Amino acid sequence: MTIFAKIINGELPCDKVFENERIIAFKDIHPSAPVHLLIVPKKEIPDLQSVTAEDLPLIGEVVQVAQQLAVQFDILEGYRLLTNNGPLAGQTIFHLHFHLIGGRQLGHLA
């Protein structure tokens, strides 16, 4: 069971900013910017490559949640929504999740 599954199940605490029956979002414990949120589908999908056609509405909902949180956290001037897919991309928790990052000038991506 991943750390995100434990958070979703209420076994571990988080600083929650959004939750519905399909998605949870909370503040990253090691933020890389003033606003650094994790948006996590509750369905256990290991990574982006494992998303199926059946999952596409859920991914669309993740984008809608990101848009709402960007308004809520006042980062409309600029933000990133990203996911790491696989170890070479830096994925360390194999439960699909998206980082919503903003609140300052963001550097270039590698």
PDB file of N, CA and C in Angstrom:
ATOM      1  N   MET A   1       0.852  -1.181   0.000  1.00  0.00           N
ATOM      2  CA  MET A   1       0.000   0.000   0.000  1.00  0.00           C
ATOM      3  C   MET A   1       0.896   1.243   0.000  1.00  0.00           C
ATOM      4  N   THR A   2       0.598   2.186  -0.880  1.00  0.00           N
ATOM      5  CA  THR A   2       1.404   3.407  -0.969  1.00  0.00           C
ATOM      6  C   THR A   2       1.025   4.391   0.131  1.00  0.00           C
ATOM      7  N   ILE A   3       1.878   5.364   0.325  1.00  0.00           N
ATOM      8  CA  ILE A   3       1.598   6.427   1.297  1.00  0.00           C
ATOM      9  C   ILE A   3       0.313   7.168   0.914  1.00  0.00           C
ATOM     10  N   PHE A   4       0.059   7.322  -0.393  1.00  0.00           N
ATOM     11  CA  PHE A   4      -1.164   8.010  -0.818  1.00  0.00           C
ATOM     12  C   PHE A   4      -2.400   7.175  -0.491  1.00  0.00           C
ATOM     13  N   ALA A   5      -2.316   5.859  -0.645  1.00  0.00           N
ATOM     14  CA  ALA A   5      -3.447   5.003  -0.274  1.00  0.00           C
ATOM     15  C   ALA A   5      -3.732   5.135   1.220  1.00  0.00           C
ATOM     16  N   LYS A   6      -2.684   5.237   2.023  1.00  0.00           N
ATOM     17  CA  LYS A   6      -2.871   5.408   3.464  1.00  0.00           C
ATOM     18  C   LYS A   6      -3.506   6.759   3.786  1.00  0.00           C
ATOM     19  N   ILE A   7      -3.136   7.801   3.047  1.00  0.00           N
ATOM     20  CA  ILE A   7      -3.762   9.119   3.230  1.00  0.00           C
ATOM     21  C   ILE A   7      -5.231   9.058   2.818  1.00  0.00           C
ATOM     22  N   ILE A   8      -5.497   8.460   1.661  1.00  0.00           N
ATOM     23  CA  ILE A   8      -6.871   8.338   1.164  1.00  0.00           C
ATOM     24  C   ILE A   8      -7.738   7.572   2.164  1.00  0.00           C
ATOM     25  N   ASN A   9      -7.181   6.524   2.757  1.00  0.00           N
ATOM     26  CA  ASN A   9      -7.927   5.697   3.720  1.00  0.00           C
ATOM     27  C   ASN A   9      -8.008   6.312   5.110  1.00  0.00           C
ATOM     28  N   GLY A  10      -7.372   7.471   5.311  1.00  0.00           N
ATOM     29  CA  GLY A  10      -7.412   8.136   6.607  1.00  0.00           C
ATOM     30  C   GLY A  10      -6.437   7.569   7.623  1.00  0.00           C
ATOM     31  N   GLU A  11      -5.514   6.730   7.167  1.00  0.00           N
ATOM     32  CA  GLU A  11      -4.527   6.132   8.072  1.00  0.00           C
ATOM     33  C   GLU A  11      -3.366   7.080   8.364  1.00  0.00           C
ATOM     34  N   LEU A  12      -3.133   8.033   7.484  1.00  0.00           N
ATOM     35  CA  LEU A  12      -2.093   9.043   7.669  1.00  0.00           C
ATOM     36  C   LEU A  12      -2.708  10.424   7.496  1.00  0.00           C
ATOM     37  N   PRO A  13      -2.240  11.415   8.256  1.00  0.00           N
ATOM     38  CA  PRO A  13      -2.793  12.768   8.129  1.00  0.00           C
ATOM     39  C   PRO A  13      -2.229  13.492   6.906  1.00  0.00           C
ATOM     40  N   CYS A  14      -2.945  14.517   6.497  1.00  0.00           N
ATOM     41  CA  CYS A  14      -2.462  15.414   5.450  1.00  0.00           C
ATOM     42  C   CYS A  14      -3.112  16.772   5.662  1.00  0.00           C
ATOM     43  N   ASP A  15      -2.549  17.784   5.017  1.00  0.00           N
ATOM     44  CA  ASP A  15      -3.129  19.128   5.050  1.00  0.00           C
ATOM     45  C   ASP A  15      -4.026  19.246   3.820  1.00  0.00           C
ATOM     46  N   LYS A  16      -5.239  18.719   3.949  1.00  0.00           N
ATOM     47  CA  LYS A  16      -6.167  18.577   2.833  1.00  0.00           C
ATOM     48  C   LYS A  16      -6.729  19.925   2.394  1.00  0.00           C
ATOM     49  N   VAL A  17      -6.784  20.130   1.070  1.00  0.00           N
ATOM     50  CA  VAL A  17      -7.357  21.353   0.509  1.00  0.00           C
ATOM     51  C   VAL A  17      -8.573  21.066  -0.374  1.00  0.00           C
ATOM     52  N   PHE A  18      -8.770  19.790  -0.725  1.00  0.00           N
ATOM     53  CA  PHE A  18      -9.911  19.403  -1.558  1.00  0.00           C
ATOM     54  C   PHE A  18     -10.124  17.902  -1.403  1.00  0.00           C
ATOM     55  N   GLU A  19     -11.399  17.517  -1.422  1.00  0.00           N
ATOM     56  CA  GLU A  19     -11.710  16.089  -1.485  1.00  0.00           C
ATOM     57  C   GLU A  19     -13.121  15.902  -2.001  1.00  0.00           C
ATOM     58  N   ASN A  20     -13.279  14.932  -2.884  1.00  0.00           N
ATOM     59  CA  ASN A  20     -14.590  14.435  -3.266  1.00  0.00           C
ATOM     60  C   ASN A  20     -14.489  12.910  -3.326  1.00  0.00           C
ATOM     61  N   GLU A  21     -15.462  12.246  -3.918  1.00  0.00           N
ATOM     62  CA  GLU A  21     -15.444  10.778  -3.898  1.00  0.00           C
ATOM     63  C   GLU A  21     -14.376  10.167  -4.806  1.00  0.00           C
ATOM     64  N   ARG A  22     -13.788  10.953  -5.708  1.00  0.00           N
ATOM     65  CA  ARG A  22     -12.809  10.423  -6.667  1.00  0.00           C
ATOM     66  C   ARG A  22     -11.397  10.978  -6.515  1.00  0.00           C
ATOM     67  N   ILE A  23     -11.250  12.138  -5.883  1.00  0.00           N
ATOM     68  CA  ILE A  23      -9.964  12.853  -5.856  1.00  0.00           C
ATOM     69  C   ILE A  23      -9.732  13.452  -4.477  1.00  0.00           C
ATOM     70  N   ILE A  24      -8.481  13.471  -4.066  1.00  0.00           N
ATOM     71  CA  ILE A  24      -8.071  14.196  -2.867  1.00  0.00           C
ATOM     72  C   ILE A  24      -6.898  15.097  -3.258  1.00  0.00           C
ATOM     73  N   ALA A  25      -6.819  16.270  -2.656  1.00  0.00           N
ATOM     74  CA  ALA A  25      -5.691  17.183  -2.892  1.00  0.00           C
ATOM     75  C   ALA A  25      -5.224  17.710  -1.545  1.00  0.00           C
ATOM     76  N   PHE A  26      -3.905  17.811  -1.412  1.00  0.00           N
ATOM     77  CA  PHE A  26      -3.325  18.258  -0.148  1.00  0.00           C
ATOM     78  C   PHE A  26      -1.983  18.926  -0.402  1.00  0.00           C
ATOM     79  N   LYS A  27      -1.505  19.641   0.609  1.00  0.00           N
ATOM     80  CA  LYS A  27      -0.232  20.350   0.495  1.00  0.00           C
ATOM     81  C   LYS A  27       0.924  19.357   0.547  1.00  0.00           C
ATOM     82  N   ASP A  28       1.913  19.580  -0.322  1.00  0.00           N
ATOM     83  CA  ASP A  28       3.121  18.757  -0.344  1.00  0.00           C
ATOM     84  C   ASP A  28       3.917  19.019   0.935  1.00  0.00           C
ATOM     85  N   ILE A  29       4.449  17.971   1.553  1.00  0.00           N
ATOM     86  CA  ILE A  29       5.204  18.165   2.801  1.00  0.00           C
ATOM     87  C   ILE A  29       6.612  18.699   2.550  1.00  0.00           C
ATOM     88  N   HIS A  30       7.062  18.665   1.296  1.00  0.00           N
ATOM     89  CA  HIS A  30       8.364  19.231   0.923  1.00  0.00           C
ATOM     90  C   HIS A  30       8.154  20.157  -0.276  1.00  0.00           C
ATOM     91  N   PRO A  31       7.508  21.312  -0.068  1.00  0.00           N
ATOM     92  CA  PRO A  31       7.143  22.167  -1.204  1.00  0.00           C
ATOM     93  C   PRO A  31       8.351  22.741  -1.932  1.00  0.00           C
ATOM     94  N   SER A  32       8.219  22.817  -3.251  1.00  0.00           N
ATOM     95  CA  SER A  32       9.268  23.419  -4.071  1.00  0.00           C
ATOM     96  C   SER A  32       8.908  24.844  -4.488  1.00  0.00           C
ATOM     97  N   ALA A  33       7.763  25.338  -4.025  1.00  0.00           N
ATOM     98  CA  ALA A  33       7.293  26.696  -4.327  1.00  0.00           C
ATOM     99  C   ALA A  33       6.309  27.086  -3.223  1.00  0.00           C
ATOM    100  N   PRO A  34       5.949  28.378  -3.145  1.00  0.00           N
ATOM    101  CA  PRO A  34       4.992  28.800  -2.119  1.00  0.00           C
ATOM    102  C   PRO A  34       3.681  28.004  -2.153  1.00  0.00           C
ATOM    103  N   VAL A  35       3.225  27.656  -3.349  1.00  0.00           N
ATOM    104  CA  VAL A  35       2.062  26.778  -3.492  1.00  0.00           C
ATOM    105  C   VAL A  35       2.557  25.495  -4.153  1.00  0.00           C
ATOM    106  N   HIS A  36       2.447  24.398  -3.459  1.00  0.00           N
ATOM    107  CA  HIS A  36       2.818  23.087  -4.005  1.00  0.00           C
ATOM    108  C   HIS A  36       1.823  22.083  -3.447  1.00  0.00           C
ATOM    109  N   LEU A  37       0.861  21.744  -4.288  1.00  0.00           N
ATOM    110  CA  LEU A  37      -0.210  20.831  -3.900  1.00  0.00           C
ATOM    111  C   LEU A  37      -0.087  19.529  -4.672  1.00  0.00           C
ATOM    112  N   LEU A  38      -0.556  18.461  -4.079  1.00  0.00           N
ATOM    113  CA  LEU A  38      -0.627  17.172  -4.752  1.00  0.00           C
ATOM    114  C   LEU A  38      -2.093  16.847  -4.983  1.00  0.00           C
ATOM    115  N   ILE A  39      -2.428  16.534  -6.223  1.00  0.00           N
ATOM    116  CA  ILE A  39      -3.789  16.161  -6.597  1.00  0.00           C
ATOM    117  C   ILE A  39      -3.740  14.679  -6.945  1.00  0.00           C
ATOM    118  N   VAL A  40      -4.476  13.882  -6.183  1.00  0.00           N
ATOM    119  CA  VAL A  40      -4.331  12.430  -6.259  1.00  0.00           C
ATOM    120  C   VAL A  40      -5.680  11.771  -6.548  1.00  0.00           C
ATOM    121  N   PRO A  41      -5.790  11.079  -7.682  1.00  0.00           N
ATOM    122  CA  PRO A  41      -6.990  10.262  -7.882  1.00  0.00           C
ATOM    123  C   PRO A  41      -7.046   9.172  -6.812  1.00  0.00           C
ATOM    124  N   LYS A  42      -8.220   8.901  -6.293  1.00  0.00           N
ATOM    125  CA  LYS A  42      -8.343   7.851  -5.281  1.00  0.00           C
ATOM    126  C   LYS A  42      -8.210   6.458  -5.893  1.00  0.00           C
ATOM    127  N   LYS A  43      -8.531   6.333  -7.165  1.00  0.00           N
ATOM    128  CA  LYS A  43      -8.343   5.052  -7.850  1.00  0.00           C
ATOM    129  C   LYS A  43      -6.852   4.757  -7.905  1.00  0.00           C
ATOM    130  N   GLU A  44      -6.475   3.538  -7.570  1.00  0.00           N
ATOM    131  CA  GLU A  44      -5.060   3.177  -7.570  1.00  0.00           C
ATOM    132  C   GLU A  44      -4.591   2.892  -8.996  1.00  0.00           C
ATOM    133  N   ILE A  45      -3.949   3.896  -9.579  1.00  0.00           N
ATOM    134  CA  ILE A  45      -3.334   3.802 -10.900  1.00  0.00           C
ATOM    135  C   ILE A  45      -1.855   4.065 -10.658  1.00  0.00           C
ATOM    136  N   PRO A  46      -0.961   3.163 -11.052  1.00  0.00           N
ATOM    137  CA  PRO A  46       0.448   3.340 -10.687  1.00  0.00           C
ATOM    138  C   PRO A  46       1.125   4.559 -11.306  1.00  0.00           C
ATOM    139  N   ASP A  47       0.782   4.879 -12.551  1.00  0.00           N
ATOM    140  CA  ASP A  47       1.468   5.974 -13.238  1.00  0.00           C
ATOM    141  C   ASP A  47       0.652   6.407 -14.449  1.00  0.00           C
ATOM    142  N   LEU A  48       1.094   7.448 -15.102  1.00  0.00           N
ATOM    143  CA  LEU A  48       0.367   7.983 -16.254  1.00  0.00           C
ATOM    144  C   LEU A  48       0.276   6.963 -17.385  1.00  0.00           C
ATOM    145  N   GLN A  49       1.307   6.181 -17.570  1.00  0.00           N
ATOM    146  CA  GLN A  49       1.328   5.185 -18.643  1.00  0.00           C
ATOM    147  C   GLN A  49       0.250   4.123 -18.443  1.00  0.00           C
ATOM    148  N   SER A  50      -0.211   3.953 -17.231  1.00  0.00           N
ATOM    149  CA  SER A  50      -1.221   2.938 -16.914  1.00  0.00           C
ATOM    150  C   SER A  50      -2.652   3.451 -17.040  1.00  0.00           C
ATOM    151  N   VAL A  51      -2.835   4.724 -17.377  1.00  0.00           N
ATOM    152  CA  VAL A  51      -4.172   5.291 -17.548  1.00  0.00           C
ATOM    153  C   VAL A  51      -4.840   4.635 -18.756  1.00  0.00           C
ATOM    154  N   THR A  52      -6.082   4.212 -18.575  1.00  0.00           N
ATOM    155  CA  THR A  52      -6.847   3.593 -19.654  1.00  0.00           C
ATOM    156  C   THR A  52      -7.896   4.576 -20.172  1.00  0.00           C
ATOM    157  N   ALA A  53      -8.546   4.196 -21.266  1.00  0.00           N
ATOM    158  CA  ALA A  53      -9.622   5.025 -21.812  1.00  0.00           C
ATOM    159  C   ALA A  53     -10.719   5.225 -20.764  1.00  0.00           C
ATOM    160  N   GLU A  54     -10.954   4.217 -19.955  1.00  0.00           N
ATOM    161  CA  GLU A  54     -11.958   4.307 -18.892  1.00  0.00           C
ATOM    162  C   GLU A  54     -11.587   5.368 -17.851  1.00  0.00           C
ATOM    163  N   ASP A  55     -10.291   5.625 -17.680  1.00  0.00           N
ATOM    164  CA  ASP A  55      -9.812   6.587 -16.684  1.00  0.00           C
ATOM    165  C   ASP A  55      -9.815   8.033 -17.182  1.00  0.00           C
ATOM    166  N   LEU A  56     -10.012   8.254 -18.464  1.00  0.00           N
ATOM    167  CA  LEU A  56      -9.877   9.608 -19.013  1.00  0.00           C
ATOM    168  C   LEU A  56     -10.813  10.630 -18.373  1.00  0.00           C
ATOM    169  N   PRO A  57     -12.074  10.294 -18.069  1.00  0.00           N
ATOM    170  CA  PRO A  57     -12.903  11.288 -17.362  1.00  0.00           C
ATOM    171  C   PRO A  57     -12.312  11.688 -16.006  1.00  0.00           C
ATOM    172  N   LEU A  58     -11.695  10.749 -15.316  1.00  0.00           N
ATOM    173  CA  LEU A  58     -11.054  11.051 -14.037  1.00  0.00           C
ATOM    174  C   LEU A  58      -9.893  12.021 -14.229  1.00  0.00           C
ATOM    175  N   ILE A  59      -9.107  11.827 -15.273  1.00  0.00           N
ATOM    176  CA  ILE A  59      -7.984  12.730 -15.545  1.00  0.00           C
ATOM    177  C   ILE A  59      -8.514  14.121 -15.893  1.00  0.00           C
ATOM    178  N   GLY A  60      -9.610  14.182 -16.633  1.00  0.00           N
ATOM    179  CA  GLY A  60     -10.240  15.469 -16.911  1.00  0.00           C
ATOM    180  C   GLY A  60     -10.707  16.155 -15.640  1.00  0.00           C
ATOM    181  N   GLU A  61     -11.214  15.378 -14.712  1.00  0.00           N
ATOM    182  CA  GLU A  61     -11.647  15.944 -13.433  1.00  0.00           C
ATOM    183  C   GLU A  61     -10.456  16.464 -12.631  1.00  0.00           C
ATOM    184  N   VAL A  62      -9.314  15.776 -12.717  1.00  0.00           N
ATOM    185  CA  VAL A  62      -8.091  16.264 -12.065  1.00  0.00           C
ATOM    186  C   VAL A  62      -7.753  17.657 -12.588  1.00  0.00           C
ATOM    187  N   VAL A  63      -7.856  17.849 -13.899  1.00  0.00           N
ATOM    188  CA  VAL A  63      -7.570  19.160 -14.492  1.00  0.00           C
ATOM    189  C   VAL A  63      -8.548  20.201 -13.958  1.00  0.00           C
ATOM    190  N   GLN A  64      -9.817  19.853 -13.858  1.00  0.00           N
ATOM    191  CA  GLN A  64     -10.805  20.796 -13.322  1.00  0.00           C
ATOM    192  C   GLN A  64     -10.501  21.150 -11.867  1.00  0.00           C
ATOM    193  N   VAL A  65     -10.100  20.178 -11.079  1.00  0.00           N
ATOM    194  CA  VAL A  65      -9.729  20.440  -9.687  1.00  0.00           C
ATOM    195  C   VAL A  65      -8.516  21.363  -9.647  1.00  0.00           C
ATOM    196  N   ALA A  66      -7.539  21.124 -10.517  1.00  0.00           N
ATOM    197  CA  ALA A  66      -6.355  21.990 -10.576  1.00  0.00           C
ATOM    198  C   ALA A  66      -6.757  23.425 -10.903  1.00  0.00           C
ATOM    199  N   GLN A  67      -7.680  23.600 -11.832  1.00  0.00           N
ATOM    200  CA  GLN A  67      -8.146  24.942 -12.181  1.00  0.00           C
ATOM    201  C   GLN A  67      -8.800  25.616 -10.976  1.00  0.00           C
ATOM    202  N   GLN A  68      -9.626  24.891 -10.253  1.00  0.00           N
ATOM    203  CA  GLN A  68     -10.289  25.446  -9.065  1.00  0.00           C
ATOM    204  C   GLN A  68      -9.270  25.820  -7.992  1.00  0.00           C
ATOM    205  N   LEU A  69      -8.288  24.953  -7.785  1.00  0.00           N
ATOM    206  CA  LEU A  69      -7.278  25.222  -6.764  1.00  0.00           C
ATOM    207  C   LEU A  69      -6.383  26.393  -7.162  1.00  0.00           C
ATOM    208  N   ALA A  70      -6.126  26.552  -8.455  1.00  0.00           N
ATOM    209  CA  ALA A  70      -5.339  27.699  -8.915  1.00  0.00           C
ATOM    210  C   ALA A  70      -6.047  29.004  -8.563  1.00  0.00           C
ATOM    211  N   VAL A  71      -7.360  29.028  -8.679  1.00  0.00           N
ATOM    212  CA  VAL A  71      -8.137  30.202  -8.272  1.00  0.00           C
ATOM    213  C   VAL A  71      -8.075  30.354  -6.755  1.00  0.00           C
ATOM    214  N   GLN A  72      -8.350  29.278  -6.044  1.00  0.00           N
ATOM    215  CA  GLN A  72      -8.387  29.308  -4.576  1.00  0.00           C
ATOM    216  C   GLN A  72      -7.063  29.778  -3.978  1.00  0.00           C
ATOM    217  N   PHE A  73      -5.947  29.373  -4.580  1.00  0.00           N
ATOM    218  CA  PHE A  73      -4.629  29.718  -4.039  1.00  0.00           C
ATOM    219  C   PHE A  73      -3.990  30.907  -4.756  1.00  0.00           C
ATOM    220  N   ASP A  74      -4.779  31.581  -5.614  1.00  0.00           N
ATOM    221  CA  ASP A  74      -4.362  32.832  -6.260  1.00  0.00           C
ATOM    222  C   ASP A  74      -3.044  32.685  -7.023  1.00  0.00           C
ATOM    223  N   ILE A  75      -2.985  31.677  -7.899  1.00  0.00           N
ATOM    224  CA  ILE A  75      -1.774  31.468  -8.707  1.00  0.00           C
ATOM    225  C   ILE A  75      -2.078  31.529 -10.206  1.00  0.00           C
ATOM    226  N   LEU A  76      -3.116  32.275 -10.567  1.00  0.00           N
ATOM    227  CA  LEU A  76      -3.518  32.335 -11.971  1.00  0.00           C
ATOM    228  C   LEU A  76      -2.491  33.018 -12.867  1.00  0.00           C
ATOM    229  N   GLU A  77      -1.567  33.785 -12.289  1.00  0.00           N
ATOM    230  CA  GLU A  77      -0.519  34.412 -13.111  1.00  0.00           C
ATOM    231  C   GLU A  77       0.414  33.380 -13.718  1.00  0.00           C
ATOM    232  N   GLY A  78       0.502  32.229 -13.105  1.00  0.00           N
ATOM    233  CA  GLY A  78       1.335  31.174 -13.653  1.00  0.00           C
ATOM    234  C   GLY A  78       1.470  30.009 -12.693  1.00  0.00           C
ATOM    235  N   TYR A  79       1.258  28.824 -13.224  1.00  0.00           N
ATOM    236  CA  TYR A  79       1.419  27.611 -12.422  1.00  0.00           C
ATOM    237  C   TYR A  79       1.738  26.448 -13.346  1.00  0.00           C
ATOM    238  N   ARG A  80       2.191  25.366 -12.728  1.00  0.00           N
ATOM    239  CA  ARG A  80       2.444  24.123 -13.452  1.00  0.00           C
ATOM    240  C   ARG A  80       1.574  23.025 -12.879  1.00  0.00           C
ATOM    241  N   LEU A  81       1.103  22.176 -13.773  1.00  0.00           N
ATOM    242  CA  LEU A  81       0.454  20.931 -13.391  1.00  0.00           C
ATOM    243  C   LEU A  81       1.266  19.834 -14.047  1.00  0.00           C
ATOM    244  N   LEU A  82       1.906  19.005 -13.233  1.00  0.00           N
ATOM    245  CA  LEU A  82       2.779  17.989 -13.829  1.00  0.00           C
ATOM    246  C   LEU A  82       2.714  16.683 -13.066  1.00  0.00           C
ATOM    247  N   THR A  83       3.122  15.631 -13.764  1.00  0.00           N
ATOM    248  CA  THR A  83       3.269  14.322 -13.142  1.00  0.00           C
ATOM    249  C   THR A  83       4.579  13.721 -13.611  1.00  0.00           C
ATOM    250  N   ASN A  84       5.192  12.960 -12.753  1.00  0.00           N
ATOM    251  CA  ASN A  84       6.406  12.236 -13.110  1.00  0.00           C
ATOM    252  C   ASN A  84       6.002  10.802 -13.425  1.00  0.00           C
ATOM    253  N   ASN A  85       6.465  10.294 -14.565  1.00  0.00           N
ATOM    254  CA  ASN A  85       6.099   8.944 -14.984  1.00  0.00           C
ATOM    255  C   ASN A  85       7.341   8.065 -15.021  1.00  0.00           C
ATOM    256  N   GLY A  86       7.497   7.250 -13.998  1.00  0.00           N
ATOM    257  CA  GLY A  86       8.610   6.314 -13.948  1.00  0.00           C
ATOM    258  C   GLY A  86       9.809   6.844 -13.193  1.00  0.00           C
ATOM    259  N   PRO A  87      10.689   5.940 -12.775  1.00  0.00           N
ATOM    260  CA  PRO A  87      11.853   6.312 -11.964  1.00  0.00           C
ATOM    261  C   PRO A  87      12.783   7.327 -12.631  1.00  0.00           C
ATOM    262  N   LEU A  88      12.991   7.226 -13.931  1.00  0.00           N
ATOM    263  CA  LEU A  88      13.901   8.163 -14.595  1.00  0.00           C
ATOM    264  C   LEU A  88      13.343   9.579 -14.635  1.00  0.00           C
ATOM    265  N   ALA A  89      12.039   9.713 -14.470  1.00  0.00           N
ATOM    266  CA  ALA A  89      11.411  11.036 -14.422  1.00  0.00           C
ATOM    267  C   ALA A  89      11.289  11.548 -12.993  1.00  0.00           C
ATOM    268  N   GLY A  90      11.705  10.741 -12.028  1.00  0.00           N
ATOM    269  CA  GLY A  90      11.647  11.166 -10.635  1.00  0.00           C
ATOM    270  C   GLY A  90      10.448  10.659  -9.864  1.00  0.00           C
ATOM    271  N   GLN A  91       9.661   9.759 -10.454  1.00  0.00           N
ATOM    272  CA  GLN A  91       8.522   9.226  -9.717  1.00  0.00           C
ATOM    273  C   GLN A  91       9.026   8.331  -8.592  1.00  0.00           C
ATOM    274  N   THR A  92       8.598   8.628  -7.370  1.00  0.00           N
ATOM    275  CA  THR A  92       9.007   7.832  -6.208  1.00  0.00           C
ATOM    276  C   THR A  92       7.824   7.154  -5.520  1.00  0.00           C
ATOM    277  N   ILE A  93       6.619   7.643  -5.767  1.00  0.00           N
ATOM    278  CA  ILE A  93       5.413   7.026  -5.217  1.00  0.00           C
ATOM    279  C   ILE A  93       4.595   6.533  -6.404  1.00  0.00           C
ATOM    280  N   PHE A  94       4.385   5.236  -6.474  1.00  0.00           N
ATOM    281  CA  PHE A  94       3.743   4.656  -7.646  1.00  0.00           C
ATOM    282  C   PHE A  94       2.231   4.552  -7.460  1.00  0.00           C
ATOM    283  N   HIS A  95       1.663   5.738  -7.278  1.00  0.00           N
ATOM    284  CA  HIS A  95       0.223   5.984  -7.273  1.00  0.00           C
ATOM    285  C   HIS A  95       0.103   7.309  -8.016  1.00  0.00           C
ATOM    286  N   LEU A  96      -0.564   7.294  -9.161  1.00  0.00           N
ATOM    287  CA  LEU A  96      -0.640   8.481 -10.012  1.00  0.00           C
ATOM    288  C   LEU A  96      -1.024   9.711  -9.199  1.00  0.00           C
ATOM    289  N   HIS A  97      -0.263  10.778  -9.380  1.00  0.00           N
ATOM    290  CA  HIS A  97      -0.556  12.047  -8.709  1.00  0.00           C
ATOM    291  C   HIS A  97       0.016  13.185  -9.540  1.00  0.00           C
ATOM    292  N   PHE A  98      -0.546  14.348  -9.341  1.00  0.00           N
ATOM    293  CA  PHE A  98      -0.167  15.537 -10.094  1.00  0.00           C
ATOM    294  C   PHE A  98       0.264  16.621  -9.117  1.00  0.00           C
ATOM    295  N   HIS A  99       1.329  17.301  -9.460  1.00  0.00           N
ATOM    296  CA  HIS A  99       1.831  18.420  -8.669  1.00  0.00           C
ATOM    297  C   HIS A  99       1.260  19.706  -9.262  1.00  0.00           C
ATOM    298  N   LEU A 100       0.638  20.530  -8.439  1.00  0.00           N
ATOM    299  CA  LEU A 100       0.206  21.873  -8.823  1.00  0.00           C
ATOM    300  C   LEU A 100       1.154  22.827  -8.110  1.00  0.00           C
ATOM    301  N   ILE A 101       1.970  23.528  -8.897  1.00  0.00           N
ATOM    302  CA  ILE A 101       3.060  24.336  -8.350  1.00  0.00           C
ATOM    303  C   ILE A 101       2.926  25.765  -8.854  1.00  0.00           C
ATOM    304  N   GLY A 102       3.050  26.740  -7.952  1.00  0.00           N
ATOM    305  CA  GLY A 102       2.990  28.142  -8.348  1.00  0.00           C
ATOM    306  C   GLY A 102       3.304  29.048  -7.171  1.00  0.00           C
ATOM    307  N   GLY A 103       3.037  30.328  -7.379  1.00  0.00           N
ATOM    308  CA  GLY A 103       3.257  31.299  -6.318  1.00  0.00           C
ATOM    309  C   GLY A 103       4.563  32.052  -6.421  1.00  0.00           C
ATOM    310  N   ARG A 104       5.342  31.776  -7.472  1.00  0.00           N
ATOM    311  CA  ARG A 104       6.596  32.494  -7.725  1.00  0.00           C
ATOM    312  C   ARG A 104       6.990  32.236  -9.178  1.00  0.00           C
ATOM    313  N   GLN A 105       8.019  32.948  -9.623  1.00  0.00           N
ATOM    314  CA  GLN A 105       8.558  32.691 -10.963  1.00  0.00           C
ATOM    315  C   GLN A 105       9.127  31.272 -10.984  1.00  0.00           C
ATOM    316  N   LEU A 106       8.681  30.474 -11.938  1.00  0.00           N
ATOM    317  CA  LEU A 106       9.147  29.092 -12.039  1.00  0.00           C
ATOM    318  C   LEU A 106      10.248  28.997 -13.085  1.00  0.00           C
ATOM    319  N   GLY A 107      11.253  28.213 -12.806  1.00  0.00           N
ATOM    320  CA  GLY A 107      12.373  28.040 -13.727  1.00  0.00           C
ATOM    321  C   GLY A 107      12.014  27.140 -14.894  1.00  0.00           C
ATOM    322  N   HIS A 108      12.969  26.994 -15.793  1.00  0.00           N
ATOM    323  CA  HIS A 108      12.779  26.135 -16.963  1.00  0.00           C
ATOM    324  C   HIS A 108      12.849  24.674 -16.559  1.00  0.00           C
ATOM    325  N   LEU A 109      12.154  23.844 -17.294  1.00  0.00           N
ATOM    326  CA  LEU A 109      12.194  22.405 -17.048  1.00  0.00           C
ATOM    327  C   LEU A 109      13.358  21.791 -17.809  1.00  0.00           C
ATOM    328  N   ALA A 110      13.873  20.689 -17.304  1.00  0.00           N
ATOM    329  CA  ALA A 110      14.986  19.992 -17.962  1.00  0.00           C
ATOM    330  C   ALA A 110      14.510  19.326 -19.231  1.00  0.00           C
TER     331      ALA A 110
END
